[in-house]
Amino acid sequence: MSEVQEKDNFWLYIVIGIVFFAGAIFMVKNSESDKYDRAAQLIAEDSSNSAYRNK
């Protein structure tokens, strides 16, 4: 009688999980980067628009 060993996919599941997690972090980071463009533009025009003014 021959026994068939099932392949262990533990490391494959770990790698897939890491790839999905990194992809989610990358997508969130890219969607947040445009959030402050308008504020940066206003600060570039007039530095008094910044909350971190020199005293």
C-alpha atoms as a PDB file:
ATOM      1  CA  MET A   1       0.000   0.000   0.000  1.00  0.00           C
ATOM      2  CA  SER A   2       1.458   3.363  -0.987  1.00  0.00           C
ATOM      3  CA  GLU A   3       0.754   6.431   1.057  1.00  0.00           C
ATOM      4  CA  VAL A   4       0.482   9.798  -0.625  1.00  0.00           C
ATOM      5  CA  GLN A   5       1.912  12.649   1.415  1.00  0.00           C
ATOM      6  CA  GLU A   6       0.072  15.919   1.225  1.00  0.00           C
ATOM      7  CA  LYS A   7       2.330  18.870   0.487  1.00  0.00           C
ATOM      8  CA  ASP A   8       2.694  21.329   3.350  1.00  0.00           C
ATOM      9  CA  ASN A   9       1.663  24.804   2.179  1.00  0.00           C
ATOM     10  CA  PHE A  10       2.414  26.647   5.428  1.00  0.00           C
ATOM     11  CA  TRP A  11       5.132  28.891   4.001  1.00  0.00           C
ATOM     12  CA  LEU A  12       3.086  29.564   0.880  1.00  0.00           C
ATOM     13  CA  TYR A  13       0.212  30.812   3.050  1.00  0.00           C
ATOM     14  CA  ILE A  14       2.604  33.001   5.063  1.00  0.00           C
ATOM     15  CA  VAL A  15       4.045  34.561   1.890  1.00  0.00           C
ATOM     16  CA  ILE A  16       0.574  35.174   0.424  1.00  0.00           C
ATOM     17  CA  GLY A  17      -0.526  36.813   3.689  1.00  0.00           C
ATOM     18  CA  ILE A  18       2.511  39.082   3.721  1.00  0.00           C
ATOM     19  CA  VAL A  19       1.949  40.080   0.090  1.00  0.00           C
ATOM     20  CA  PHE A  20      -1.700  40.954   0.756  1.00  0.00           C
ATOM     21  CA  PHE A  21      -0.790  42.891   3.895  1.00  0.00           C
ATOM     22  CA  ALA A  22       1.949  44.850   2.110  1.00  0.00           C
ATOM     23  CA  GLY A  23      -0.429  45.567  -0.771  1.00  0.00           C
ATOM     24  CA  ALA A  24      -3.071  46.911   1.601  1.00  0.00           C
ATOM     25  CA  ILE A  25      -0.544  49.144   3.369  1.00  0.00           C
ATOM     26  CA  PHE A  26       0.740  50.412   0.010  1.00  0.00           C
ATOM     27  CA  MET A  27      -2.797  51.231  -1.216  1.00  0.00           C
ATOM     28  CA  VAL A  28      -3.696  53.089   1.989  1.00  0.00           C
ATOM     29  CA  LYS A  29      -0.428  55.038   1.915  1.00  0.00           C
ATOM     30  CA  ASN A  30      -0.972  56.078  -1.707  1.00  0.00           C
ATOM     31  CA  SER A  31      -4.549  57.176  -1.074  1.00  0.00           C
ATOM     32  CA  GLU A  32      -3.473  59.301   1.898  1.00  0.00           C
ATOM     33  CA  SER A  33      -0.639  61.080   0.080  1.00  0.00           C
ATOM     34  CA  ASP A  34      -3.007  63.313  -1.931  1.00  0.00           C
ATOM     35  CA  LYS A  35      -4.824  64.423   1.192  1.00  0.00           C
ATOM     36  CA  TYR A  36      -2.422  67.228   2.086  1.00  0.00           C
ATOM     37  CA  ASP A  37      -1.586  68.572  -1.384  1.00  0.00           C
ATOM     38  CA  ARG A  38      -3.895  71.583  -1.026  1.00  0.00           C
ATOM     39  CA  ALA A  39      -2.425  72.483   2.368  1.00  0.00           C
ATOM     40  CA  ALA A  40       1.119  72.202   1.014  1.00  0.00           C
ATOM     41  CA  GLN A  41       0.172  74.446  -1.899  1.00  0.00           C
ATOM     42  CA  LEU A  42      -1.267  77.105   0.417  1.00  0.00           C
ATOM     43  CA  ILE A  43       1.773  76.987   2.702  1.00  0.00           C
ATOM     44  CA  ALA A  44       4.062  77.373  -0.319  1.00  0.00           C
ATOM     45  CA  GLU A  45       2.137  80.500  -1.361  1.00  0.00           C
ATOM     46  CA  ASP A  46       2.159  82.095   2.091  1.00  0.00           C
ATOM     47  CA  SER A  47       4.041  80.642   5.051  1.00  0.00           C
ATOM     48  CA  SER A  48       1.593  82.260   7.494  1.00  0.00           C
ATOM     49  CA  ASN A  49      -0.878  79.516   6.505  1.00  0.00           C
ATOM     50  CA  SER A  50       1.254  76.983   8.352  1.00  0.00           C
ATOM     51  CA  ALA A  51       0.533  75.914  11.907  1.00  0.00           C
ATOM     52  CA  TYR A  52       4.307  75.798  12.459  1.00  0.00           C
ATOM     53  CA  ARG A  53       5.102  79.461  12.022  1.00  0.00           C
ATOM     54  CA  ASN A  54       8.311  80.926  13.338  1.00  0.00           C
ATOM     55  CA  LYS A  55       7.663  82.935  16.488  1.00  0.00           C
END
